[in-house]
Every structure is written in structure tokens, then in C-alpha cells.
Amino acid sequence: MEYSFRRLEYNGLKGTIGERLARSYIRNKLSPKLIKEEGWAHVLLSNNDYKHHAWTWNTKLFSFDNFREDFIVHGFYPTMKLLSKYTSAVGILTQNHCTPDGMLLKLQETGKTKRLKESTHPSIARLHVPESNKHGKIYEFQTVGGDLEIIEIKCGRKARLMSKQKETYNNLIMKGVPLRKIRVKILSFDLNRFLVEEHKYEKLL
């Protein structure tokens, strides 16, 4: 039976495939490359939903613990320097209502560990913390420093950023948080041929 996608169906499918290919590329190609070339211990893509932090800024209530969980969910405990930079970046994103496709966490172990009790940090039990971090009711995490990059995924011929995105990302670039754009081109949908390109922006867009 022959079947052809409607334009909106095709665009939606194209976007989904493109994002999955980009995330696979980051996990299997980009992360190992950065670990080898830049000497990081771990490189991973964070959760791309920063909207849950918006209330902190809107109500002027501030707690580093809310942002620290974004590292704990991956099994790491950030240094204050790394956490401050991350918090500042998330703050700029939420204040500008800008949600990138993720934030690349480039981590280096400090050689120290941090133990947290479930009784004093009940949210830990709700996070997807690796079982290897758990010792009874106590969770142990590698303390990590490191750096950040903003990840933006684009699929198809047009890979333009909107003006609001440019403004936000330029603000972050000036604060030392570069943008890395991952672009997925469809060479042949029928033959399952795709091209993944990346470009890092460390100067204003």
C-alpha cells in the first residue's frame, strides 16, 4: 500500500528524527571527542527543561539546592564555581523565556566525594540517581568542576536562530557560555541518509 506524508506530518517526523540523531551524535561522537581532546572526565547533555526554575526568579526566592539537583540526577555533585555558572546561565534562559535543546555539561572530577542523607534531602529519592551511588539511606556523589555549553539542534535546510535566541545566546557567550549548534541535514529520507554537522560559537552571533 502506498502512503505519503502530509506536509505537517512530514515536518513533525523530520524534526523528531533529527533531534534523535543529534542526541545520538552528541552521546556517541561529540562527548568521546571532547573527553579525548579537552581532557574531561565526563561530557553529558543535561535535561532541556529549565522552566521548573522560573518560580525561583519570579518570586525572588533563591536556593542553590534547586539547581544542584540538575547535576545530582546524573550522579554528580557540582563545585560552587560550576554551580554558580550553571545557575547564572539558567537564570538568563528563564528570564528570556528561551529553552535550548540542552546544556552540555563538561565535567572534571575533583577527587572528593559528597555524602547526602535521604532524610535531609528527600528529593534525592525521586531523582534517577544511579544505584551505585546509594549506600543504604546515604547517597555518595563524585564532586565535579567543569564548564558548560548551550546546545541548539536544527534539522533541515534552514538552521536559523530566531532574534530572541540570538539575543539570549549572545548574552551567554559574553558570560563565557558558548553555543554549539548541531545541524541535521536529510540527504535522502528514502535511503536513510543523513548528515550531522556541528559548529561552536564563542564570539557574538
Protein backbone atom coordinates (compact mmCIF):
# COMPACT_ATOMS: atom_id res chain seq x y z
CA MET A 1 0.00 0.00 0.00
CA GLU A 2 1.37 3.41 -0.91
CA TYR A 3 1.38 6.13 1.66
CA SER A 4 2.59 9.71 1.55
CA PHE A 5 3.00 12.07 4.48
CA ARG A 6 1.14 15.31 4.66
CA ARG A 7 3.39 18.34 4.95
CA LEU A 8 2.76 18.88 8.68
CA GLU A 9 3.16 15.16 9.38
CA TYR A 10 6.43 15.11 7.47
CA ASN A 11 7.77 18.19 9.25
CA GLY A 12 6.94 16.69 12.64
CA LEU A 13 8.55 13.38 11.72
CA LYS A 14 11.58 15.15 10.29
CA GLY A 15 12.05 17.13 13.50
CA THR A 16 11.73 14.05 15.72
CA ILE A 17 14.22 12.03 13.66
CA GLY A 18 16.60 14.98 13.50
CA GLU A 19 16.59 15.51 17.26
CA ARG A 20 17.17 11.80 17.96
CA LEU A 21 20.05 11.68 15.50
CA ALA A 22 21.57 14.82 17.04
CA ARG A 23 21.33 13.43 20.57
CA SER A 24 22.85 10.15 19.42
CA TYR A 25 25.67 12.11 17.78
CA ILE A 26 26.32 14.05 20.99
CA ARG A 27 26.36 10.87 23.07
CA ASN A 28 28.40 8.66 20.73
CA LYS A 29 30.62 11.10 18.82
CA LEU A 30 30.87 14.56 20.39
CA SER A 31 31.18 13.53 24.05
CA PRO A 32 34.01 10.98 23.46
CA LYS A 33 35.79 13.54 21.24
CA LEU A 34 35.69 16.26 23.90
CA ILE A 35 36.80 13.80 26.58
CA LYS A 36 39.80 12.82 24.45
CA GLU A 37 40.74 16.24 23.06
CA GLU A 38 39.92 18.50 26.01
CA GLY A 39 40.64 16.06 28.82
CA TRP A 40 37.24 16.00 30.54
CA ALA A 41 36.25 13.04 32.72
CA HIS A 42 32.58 13.19 31.70
CA VAL A 43 30.63 15.04 29.00
CA LEU A 44 26.86 14.73 29.00
CA LEU A 45 23.75 16.51 27.83
CA SER A 46 21.55 17.86 30.61
CA ASN A 47 17.78 17.92 30.78
CA ASN A 48 16.47 20.67 28.48
CA ASP A 49 13.52 21.72 30.68
CA TYR A 50 14.59 24.73 32.73
CA LYS A 51 11.06 26.08 33.18
CA HIS A 52 10.78 24.49 36.63
CA HIS A 53 13.39 27.01 37.82
CA ALA A 54 11.36 30.03 36.71
CA TRP A 55 9.48 30.39 40.01
CA THR A 56 12.80 30.93 41.81
CA TRP A 57 13.46 34.06 39.80
CA ASN A 58 9.88 35.30 39.65
CA THR A 59 9.33 35.15 43.41
CA LYS A 60 12.92 36.18 44.22
CA LEU A 61 13.33 33.03 46.30
CA PHE A 62 16.74 31.54 45.77
CA SER A 63 18.26 28.22 46.71
CA PHE A 64 21.27 26.59 45.07
CA ASP A 65 19.78 23.20 46.04
CA ASN A 66 17.15 23.56 43.31
CA PHE A 67 19.87 23.85 40.65
CA ARG A 68 22.20 21.33 42.26
CA GLU A 69 19.60 18.62 41.60
CA ASP A 70 20.25 19.03 37.85
CA PHE A 71 23.70 17.54 38.50
CA ILE A 72 22.65 15.06 41.20
CA VAL A 73 20.21 13.44 38.78
CA HIS A 74 23.27 12.42 36.71
CA GLY A 75 25.14 11.16 39.78
CA PHE A 76 27.45 14.16 40.39
CA TYR A 77 27.80 16.92 42.97
CA PRO A 78 28.98 20.26 41.47
CA THR A 79 31.55 22.60 42.98
CA MET A 80 30.25 26.03 43.91
CA LYS A 81 32.11 27.61 40.97
CA LEU A 82 30.46 25.29 38.44
CA LEU A 83 27.07 25.55 40.15
CA SER A 84 27.22 29.36 40.14
CA LYS A 85 27.96 29.44 36.42
CA TYR A 86 25.19 26.96 35.69
CA THR A 87 22.70 28.87 37.83
CA SER A 88 23.58 32.14 36.10
CA ALA A 89 23.11 30.54 32.67
CA VAL A 90 19.75 29.01 33.61
CA GLY A 91 18.67 32.34 35.03
CA ILE A 92 19.36 34.11 31.73
CA LEU A 93 17.46 31.40 29.83
CA THR A 94 14.40 31.51 32.08
CA GLN A 95 14.27 35.30 32.26
CA ASN A 96 14.34 35.47 28.46
CA HIS A 97 11.84 32.59 28.09
CA CYS A 98 14.39 30.75 25.97
CA THR A 99 14.63 26.97 26.07
CA PRO A 100 17.55 25.44 24.16
CA ASP A 101 17.69 21.74 23.35
CA GLY A 102 20.03 21.15 26.23
CA MET A 103 23.13 22.20 28.07
CA LEU A 104 26.37 20.29 27.60
CA LEU A 105 27.99 19.58 30.97
CA LYS A 106 31.76 19.12 30.67
CA LEU A 107 32.87 17.68 33.99
CA GLN A 108 36.16 17.03 35.75
CA GLU A 109 36.34 15.01 38.98
CA THR A 110 37.97 16.77 41.93
CA GLY A 111 38.92 13.59 43.76
CA LYS A 112 36.46 14.39 46.55
CA THR A 113 33.04 12.90 47.27
CA LYS A 114 29.91 14.28 48.90
CA ARG A 115 27.54 12.23 51.03
CA LEU A 116 23.91 13.27 51.34
CA LYS A 117 21.33 11.72 53.65
CA GLU A 118 17.95 10.89 52.18
CA SER A 119 16.31 12.20 55.35
CA THR A 120 17.78 15.70 54.86
CA HIS A 121 17.44 15.68 51.06
CA PRO A 122 14.16 13.79 50.39
CA SER A 123 14.13 14.90 46.75
CA ILE A 124 17.10 12.60 46.05
CA ALA A 125 14.84 9.55 46.28
CA ARG A 126 12.70 10.95 43.45
CA LEU A 127 15.66 11.53 41.13
CA HIS A 128 17.14 8.96 38.75
CA VAL A 129 20.33 8.59 40.76
CA PRO A 130 22.42 5.52 39.80
CA GLU A 131 22.18 2.63 42.26
CA SER A 132 25.96 2.66 42.60
CA ASN A 133 25.63 6.00 44.42
CA LYS A 134 23.35 4.56 47.10
CA HIS A 135 24.58 3.12 50.39
CA GLY A 136 21.50 2.40 52.48
CA LYS A 137 19.89 5.76 53.22
CA ILE A 138 23.04 7.66 52.22
CA TYR A 139 23.92 8.74 48.69
CA GLU A 140 27.53 9.38 47.68
CA PHE A 141 28.45 11.59 44.74
CA GLN A 142 31.67 12.46 42.94
CA THR A 143 32.36 16.18 43.33
CA VAL A 144 32.95 17.75 39.92
CA GLY A 145 34.04 21.07 38.49
CA GLY A 146 33.87 21.91 34.82
CA ASP A 147 32.30 24.07 32.17
CA LEU A 148 29.11 24.50 30.12
CA GLU A 149 27.92 24.88 26.55
CA ILE A 150 24.45 25.62 25.19
CA ILE A 151 23.21 23.04 22.68
CA GLU A 152 20.81 24.02 19.90
CA ILE A 153 19.57 21.35 17.47
CA LYS A 154 18.35 22.26 13.99
CA CYS A 155 17.02 19.96 11.29
CA GLY A 156 16.55 20.56 7.57
CA ARG A 157 17.80 23.18 5.14
CA LYS A 158 17.07 26.19 7.31
CA ALA A 159 19.05 26.33 10.54
CA ARG A 160 18.42 29.91 11.54
CA LEU A 161 18.10 31.13 15.09
CA MET A 162 15.28 33.47 15.99
CA SER A 163 16.20 37.02 17.02
CA LYS A 164 15.25 36.33 20.66
CA GLN A 165 17.50 33.27 20.67
CA LYS A 166 20.41 35.25 19.23
CA GLU A 167 20.00 37.95 21.87
CA THR A 168 19.91 35.38 24.68
CA TYR A 169 22.80 33.29 23.38
CA ASN A 170 24.95 36.40 22.78
CA ASN A 171 24.33 37.33 26.41
CA LEU A 172 25.52 33.89 27.47
CA ILE A 173 28.54 33.97 25.13
CA MET A 174 29.64 37.24 26.74
CA LYS A 175 29.47 35.46 30.11
CA GLY A 176 31.68 32.62 28.89
CA VAL A 177 29.00 30.07 27.93
CA PRO A 178 29.42 29.25 24.22
CA LEU A 179 26.77 27.92 21.86
CA ARG A 180 27.21 24.68 19.93
CA LYS A 181 24.71 24.20 17.12
CA ILE A 182 24.07 20.66 15.91
CA ARG A 183 22.51 20.60 12.44
CA VAL A 184 20.98 17.50 10.85
CA LYS A 185 20.57 17.50 7.09
CA ILE A 186 18.37 14.93 5.37
CA LEU A 187 20.28 13.75 2.29
CA SER A 188 17.80 11.03 1.41
CA PHE A 189 14.79 10.19 3.53
CA ASP A 190 14.09 7.03 1.48
CA LEU A 191 17.69 5.79 1.64
CA ASN A 192 18.06 6.68 5.33
CA ARG A 193 20.98 9.02 4.66
CA PHE A 194 21.59 11.97 6.96
CA LEU A 195 24.44 14.39 7.58
CA VAL A 196 25.19 15.76 11.06
CA GLU A 197 27.23 18.95 11.32
CA GLU A 198 28.30 20.97 14.34
CA HIS A 199 29.59 24.48 14.86
CA LYS A 200 30.73 26.11 18.09
CA TYR A 201 30.10 29.83 18.57
CA GLU A 202 32.41 31.53 21.08
CA LYS A 203 32.00 35.01 19.60
CA LEU A 204 28.83 37.03 19.14
CA LEU A 205 26.41 35.67 16.58
